[in-house]
C-alpha atoms as a PDB file:
ATOM      1  CA  LYS A   1      15.098  -0.244 -17.183  1.00  0.00           C
ATOM      2  CA  ARG A   2      17.294   0.737 -14.226  1.00  0.00           C
ATOM      3  CA  ASP A   3      21.026   1.217 -14.336  1.00  0.00           C
ATOM      4  CA  ALA A   4      23.216  -1.332 -12.544  1.00  0.00           C
ATOM      5  CA  ALA A   5      24.146   0.925  -9.622  1.00  0.00           C
ATOM      6  CA  GLU A   6      20.528   1.803  -8.860  1.00  0.00           C
ATOM      7  CA  LEU A   7      19.493  -1.838  -9.161  1.00  0.00           C
ATOM      8  CA  ASN A   8      22.266  -2.970  -6.812  1.00  0.00           C
ATOM      9  CA  ASP A   9      21.212  -0.343  -4.272  1.00  0.00           C
ATOM     10  CA  LEU A  10      17.571  -1.469  -4.464  1.00  0.00           C
ATOM     11  CA  LEU A  11      18.505  -5.135  -4.083  1.00  0.00           C
ATOM     12  CA  GLN A  12      20.613  -4.282  -1.030  1.00  0.00           C
ATOM     13  CA  ILE A  13      17.691  -2.389   0.514  1.00  0.00           C
ATOM     14  CA  ILE A  14      15.406  -5.363  -0.131  1.00  0.00           C
ATOM     15  CA  ALA A  15      17.904  -7.750   1.478  1.00  0.00           C
ATOM     16  CA  GLU A  16      18.200  -5.511   4.552  1.00  0.00           C
ATOM     17  CA  LEU A  17      14.420  -5.164   4.787  1.00  0.00           C
ATOM     18  CA  ALA A  18      13.889  -8.933   4.566  1.00  0.00           C
ATOM     19  CA  GLU A  19      16.506  -9.465   7.253  1.00  0.00           C
ATOM     20  CA  GLU A  20      15.025  -6.819   9.558  1.00  0.00           C
ATOM     21  CA  ILE A  21      11.414  -7.946   9.172  1.00  0.00           C
ATOM     22  CA  SER A  22      12.323 -11.573   9.763  1.00  0.00           C
ATOM     23  CA  ARG A  23      14.167 -10.803  12.993  1.00  0.00           C
ATOM     24  CA  VAL A  24      12.107  -8.017  14.574  1.00  0.00           C
ATOM     25  CA  ARG A  25       8.448  -8.786  13.818  1.00  0.00           C
ATOM     26  CA  ASP A  26       6.267 -11.860  14.174  1.00  0.00           C
ATOM     27  CA  TRP A  27       5.324 -11.526  10.513  1.00  0.00           C
ATOM     28  CA  ARG A  28       5.637 -14.294   7.940  1.00  0.00           C
ATOM     29  CA  VAL A  29       7.928 -13.302   5.064  1.00  0.00           C
ATOM     30  CA  LYS A  30       7.474 -14.813   1.614  1.00  0.00           C
ATOM     31  CA  HIS A  31       9.406 -14.126  -1.562  1.00  0.00           C
ATOM     32  CA  VAL A  32       7.117 -13.951  -4.575  1.00  0.00           C
ATOM     33  CA  GLY A  33       8.860 -14.022  -7.915  1.00  0.00           C
ATOM     34  CA  ARG A  34      11.426 -16.007  -9.812  1.00  0.00           C
ATOM     35  CA  ALA A  35      14.441 -16.674  -7.614  1.00  0.00           C
ATOM     36  CA  GLU A  36      16.555 -17.635 -10.633  1.00  0.00           C
ATOM     37  CA  LEU A  37      16.427 -13.997 -11.786  1.00  0.00           C
ATOM     38  CA  LEU A  38      18.053 -12.737  -8.583  1.00  0.00           C
ATOM     39  CA  PRO A  39      21.657 -12.598  -7.417  1.00  0.00           C
ATOM     40  CA  PRO A  40      22.471 -15.716  -5.357  1.00  0.00           C
ATOM     41  CA  GLU A  41      23.135 -13.725  -2.176  1.00  0.00           C
ATOM     42  CA  LEU A  42      19.707 -12.059  -2.298  1.00  0.00           C
ATOM     43  CA  THR A  43      18.068 -15.433  -2.939  1.00  0.00           C
ATOM     44  CA  ARG A  44      19.872 -16.812   0.130  1.00  0.00           C
ATOM     45  CA  VAL A  45      18.707 -13.890   2.308  1.00  0.00           C
ATOM     46  CA  LEU A  46      15.093 -14.218   1.109  1.00  0.00           C
ATOM     47  CA  ARG A  47      15.045 -17.988   1.702  1.00  0.00           C
ATOM     48  CA  ALA A  48      16.540 -17.523   5.164  1.00  0.00           C
ATOM     49  CA  ALA A  49      13.876 -14.920   5.995  1.00  0.00           C
ATOM     50  CA  GLU A  50      11.144 -17.287   4.797  1.00  0.00           C
ATOM     51  CA  ASP A  51      12.555 -20.195   6.813  1.00  0.00           C
ATOM     52  CA  ARG A  52      12.999 -18.071   9.947  1.00  0.00           C
ATOM     53  CA  THR A  53       9.391 -16.813   9.825  1.00  0.00           C
ATOM     54  CA  ALA A  54       7.574 -19.874   8.436  1.00  0.00           C
ATOM     55  CA  GLY A  55       5.593 -20.510  11.627  1.00  0.00           C
ATOM     56  CA  ASN A  56       4.977 -16.915  12.632  1.00  0.00           C
ATOM     57  CA  PRO A  57       1.351 -16.012  13.359  1.00  0.00           C
ATOM     58  CA  GLY A  58       1.458 -12.371  12.245  1.00  0.00           C
ATOM     59  CA  LEU A  59       0.866 -10.633   8.960  1.00  0.00           C
ATOM     60  CA  HIS A  60       2.018 -12.109   5.681  1.00  0.00           C
ATOM     61  CA  VAL A  61       4.625  -9.897   4.006  1.00  0.00           C
ATOM     62  CA  ASN A  62       5.190 -10.712   0.345  1.00  0.00           C
ATOM     63  CA  LEU A  63       8.433  -9.385  -1.091  1.00  0.00           C
ATOM     64  CA  ALA A  64       7.845  -9.211  -4.841  1.00  0.00           C
ATOM     65  CA  VAL A  65      11.334  -9.319  -6.333  1.00  0.00           C
ATOM     66  CA  GLY A  66      11.987 -10.759  -9.779  1.00  0.00           C
ATOM     67  CA  TYR A  67       8.201 -10.717 -10.042  1.00  0.00           C
ATOM     68  CA  GLY A  68       5.850 -10.340 -12.979  1.00  0.00           C
ATOM     69  CA  GLY A  69       2.141 -11.097 -12.931  1.00  0.00           C
ATOM     70  CA  ARG A  70       2.093 -12.747 -16.331  1.00  0.00           C
ATOM     71  CA  SER A  71       5.079 -14.914 -15.407  1.00  0.00           C
ATOM     72  CA  GLU A  72       3.335 -15.873 -12.183  1.00  0.00           C
ATOM     73  CA  ILE A  73       0.276 -17.085 -14.084  1.00  0.00           C
ATOM     74  CA  VAL A  74       2.443 -19.023 -16.557  1.00  0.00           C
ATOM     75  CA  ASP A  75       4.355 -20.621 -13.664  1.00  0.00           C
ATOM     76  CA  ALA A  76       1.053 -21.565 -11.981  1.00  0.00           C
ATOM     77  CA  VAL A  77      -0.263 -23.225 -15.135  1.00  0.00           C
ATOM     78  CA  ARG A  78       3.034 -25.055 -15.640  1.00  0.00           C
ATOM     79  CA  SER A  79       2.864 -26.288 -12.039  1.00  0.00           C
ATOM     80  CA  ILE A  80      -0.685 -27.559 -12.538  1.00  0.00           C
ATOM     81  CA  ILE A  81       0.264 -29.359 -15.762  1.00  0.00           C
ATOM     82  CA  ALA A  82       3.317 -30.940 -14.118  1.00  0.00           C
ATOM     83  CA  ALA A  83       1.286 -32.134 -11.113  1.00  0.00           C
ATOM     84  CA  HIS A  84      -1.422 -33.519 -13.370  1.00  0.00           C
ATOM     85  CA  ASP A  85       1.196 -35.321 -15.473  1.00  0.00           C
ATOM     86  CA  ARG A  86       2.813 -36.829 -12.346  1.00  0.00           C
ATOM     87  CA  ASP A  87      -0.630 -38.149 -11.377  1.00  0.00           C
ATOM     88  CA  GLY A  88      -0.958 -39.783 -14.815  1.00  0.00           C
ATOM     89  CA  GLY A  89      -3.760 -37.571 -16.096  1.00  0.00           C
ATOM     90  CA  SER A  90      -4.240 -36.527 -19.709  1.00  0.00           C
ATOM     91  CA  LEU A  91      -4.258 -32.976 -21.038  1.00  0.00           C
ATOM     92  CA  GLU A  92      -7.869 -33.467 -22.106  1.00  0.00           C
ATOM     93  CA  GLU A  93      -8.862 -34.342 -18.530  1.00  0.00           C
ATOM     94  CA  LEU A  94      -7.001 -31.344 -17.206  1.00  0.00           C
ATOM     95  CA  ALA A  95      -8.578 -28.993 -19.748  1.00  0.00           C
ATOM     96  CA  ALA A  96     -12.034 -30.268 -18.832  1.00  0.00           C
ATOM     97  CA  SER A  97     -11.544 -29.942 -15.081  1.00  0.00           C
ATOM     98  CA  LEU A  98      -9.306 -26.874 -14.636  1.00  0.00           C
ATOM     99  CA  THR A  99     -10.821 -24.200 -12.377  1.00  0.00           C
ATOM    100  CA  PRO A 100      -9.848 -20.662 -11.406  1.00  0.00           C
ATOM    101  CA  GLU A 101      -9.428 -21.920  -7.836  1.00  0.00           C
ATOM    102  CA  GLN A 102      -6.787 -24.414  -8.961  1.00  0.00           C
ATOM    103  CA  ILE A 103      -4.833 -21.686 -10.714  1.00  0.00           C
ATOM    104  CA  GLY A 104      -5.093 -19.494  -7.607  1.00  0.00           C
ATOM    105  CA  GLU A 105      -3.706 -22.296  -5.431  1.00  0.00           C
ATOM    106  CA  HIS A 106      -0.620 -22.570  -7.654  1.00  0.00           C
ATOM    107  CA  LEU A 107       0.211 -18.857  -7.741  1.00  0.00           C
ATOM    108  CA  TYR A 108       3.194 -17.575  -5.752  1.00  0.00           C
ATOM    109  CA  THR A 109       0.651 -16.301  -3.208  1.00  0.00           C
ATOM    110  CA  GLY A 110      -1.333 -19.554  -3.107  1.00  0.00           C
ATOM    111  CA  GLY A 111      -3.152 -19.999   0.186  1.00  0.00           C
ATOM    112  CA  GLN A 112      -3.255 -16.275   0.897  1.00  0.00           C
ATOM    113  CA  ALA A 113      -6.282 -14.014   0.593  1.00  0.00           C
ATOM    114  CA  ASP A 114      -6.444 -11.742  -2.437  1.00  0.00           C
ATOM    115  CA  PRO A 115      -5.759  -8.083  -1.634  1.00  0.00           C
ATOM    116  CA  ASP A 116      -8.747  -5.910  -0.811  1.00  0.00           C
ATOM    117  CA  LEU A 117      -6.838  -2.744  -1.656  1.00  0.00           C
ATOM    118  CA  VAL A 118      -3.926  -2.085  -4.008  1.00  0.00           C
ATOM    119  CA  ILE A 119      -2.190   1.247  -3.513  1.00  0.00           C
ATOM    120  CA  ARG A 120      -0.354   2.486  -6.596  1.00  0.00           C
ATOM    121  CA  THR A 121       2.268   5.144  -5.995  1.00  0.00           C
ATOM    122  CA  SER A 122       4.181   7.460  -8.351  1.00  0.00           C
ATOM    123  CA  GLY A 123       1.110   8.906 -10.051  1.00  0.00           C
ATOM    124  CA  GLU A 124       0.854   5.956 -12.435  1.00  0.00           C
ATOM    125  CA  GLN A 125      -2.596   4.550 -13.119  1.00  0.00           C
ATOM    126  CA  ARG A 126      -1.783   1.094 -14.398  1.00  0.00           C
ATOM    127  CA  LEU A 127      -1.184  -2.378 -12.968  1.00  0.00           C
ATOM    128  CA  SER A 128       2.398  -2.690 -14.220  1.00  0.00           C
ATOM    129  CA  ASP A 129       2.151  -6.505 -14.302  1.00  0.00           C
ATOM    130  CA  PHE A 130       1.506  -6.649 -10.528  1.00  0.00           C
ATOM    131  CA  LEU A 131      -0.834  -9.248  -8.982  1.00  0.00           C
ATOM    132  CA  LEU A 132      -2.841  -9.566 -12.183  1.00  0.00           C
ATOM    133  CA  TRP A 133      -4.817 -12.604 -11.056  1.00  0.00           C
ATOM    134  CA  GLN A 134      -5.167 -11.684  -7.392  1.00  0.00           C
ATOM    135  CA  SER A 135      -6.354  -8.110  -7.964  1.00  0.00           C
ATOM    136  CA  ALA A 136      -9.375  -9.056 -10.109  1.00  0.00           C
ATOM    137  CA  HIS A 137     -11.762  -7.772  -7.417  1.00  0.00           C
ATOM    138  CA  SER A 138      -9.416  -5.447  -5.536  1.00  0.00           C
ATOM    139  CA  GLU A 139     -10.053  -1.774  -5.063  1.00  0.00           C
ATOM    140  CA  PHE A 140      -7.326   0.557  -6.358  1.00  0.00           C
ATOM    141  CA  TYR A 141      -6.044   3.794  -4.911  1.00  0.00           C
ATOM    142  CA  PHE A 142      -3.650   5.968  -6.895  1.00  0.00           C
ATOM    143  CA  MET A 143      -1.372   8.571  -5.344  1.00  0.00           C
ATOM    144  CA  GLU A 144       1.381  10.864  -6.538  1.00  0.00           C
ATOM    145  CA  ALA A 145       3.924  10.054  -3.811  1.00  0.00           C
ATOM    146  CA  LEU A 146       6.799   7.751  -4.710  1.00  0.00           C
ATOM    147  CA  GLY A 147       7.062   4.558  -2.663  1.00  0.00           C
ATOM    148  CA  PRO A 148      10.086   5.684  -0.616  1.00  0.00           C
ATOM    149  CA  ASP A 149       8.381   9.025   0.102  1.00  0.00           C
ATOM    150  CA  LEU A 150       5.133   7.465   1.316  1.00  0.00           C
ATOM    151  CA  ARG A 151       4.117   9.011   4.632  1.00  0.00           C
ATOM    152  CA  GLU A 152       1.762   7.670   7.249  1.00  0.00           C
ATOM    153  CA  VAL A 153      -0.789  10.354   6.320  1.00  0.00           C
ATOM    154  CA  ASP A 154      -0.726   9.162   2.669  1.00  0.00           C
ATOM    155  CA  PHE A 155      -1.429   5.624   3.797  1.00  0.00           C
ATOM    156  CA  LEU A 156      -4.223   6.781   6.115  1.00  0.00           C
ATOM    157  CA  ARG A 157      -5.827   8.755   3.253  1.00  0.00           C
ATOM    158  CA  ALA A 158      -5.828   5.614   1.131  1.00  0.00           C
ATOM    159  CA  LEU A 159      -7.440   3.602   3.940  1.00  0.00           C
ATOM    160  CA  ARG A 160     -10.050   6.322   4.556  1.00  0.00           C
ATOM    161  CA  ASN A 161     -10.885   6.383   0.854  1.00  0.00           C
ATOM    162  CA  TYR A 162     -11.151   2.593   0.783  1.00  0.00           C
ATOM    163  CA  ALA A 163     -13.400   2.543   3.870  1.00  0.00           C
ATOM    164  CA  SER A 164     -15.851   4.908   2.153  1.00  0.00           C
ATOM    165  CA  ARG A 165     -16.322   2.646  -0.880  1.00  0.00           C
ATOM    166  CA  GLU A 166     -19.105   0.194  -1.497  1.00  0.00           C
ATOM    167  CA  ARG A 167     -17.431  -3.032  -2.616  1.00  0.00           C
ATOM    168  CA  ARG A 168     -19.124  -4.967  -5.407  1.00  0.00           C
ATOM    169  CA  PHE A 169     -16.502  -7.696  -6.013  1.00  0.00           C
ATOM    170  CA  GLY A 170     -16.838  -7.472  -9.777  1.00  0.00           C
ATOM    171  CA  GLY A 171     -20.637  -7.273  -9.739  1.00  0.00           C
END
């Protein structure tokens, strides 16, 4: 979808961001996505950022690179099947006992809370294969600004809008 030069520039920005966040903040950095789809140097930088921040008490920052929501769900199911097989269980047993909570635990974001608010930039009003499972009960806010052009006031508008909503969590 993107030309090689633009993609290389974006990957460099992501690498610099991961490096900066992992050295300056007390946030915990986590790569979510398929590492095998990324250039080896970016994978190294992301792993180093994760390792450096593993015990940090601050916010969790997920860097979704090489990420697709459908692929994440497939990877979670594969992980569950593999674990069940290692434990000697049958597919029938797994099918009978599988729960949404189990799938959630095996997602790239397993152990993290689902997002309360998803802000979609660029004027698009679609999920674009992003956090399909986790956003089941999220609130969505759509804005025209492109991600790199997002200003503090845009973010504050989204939060104000979110604060005025009555959450029903799918009900």
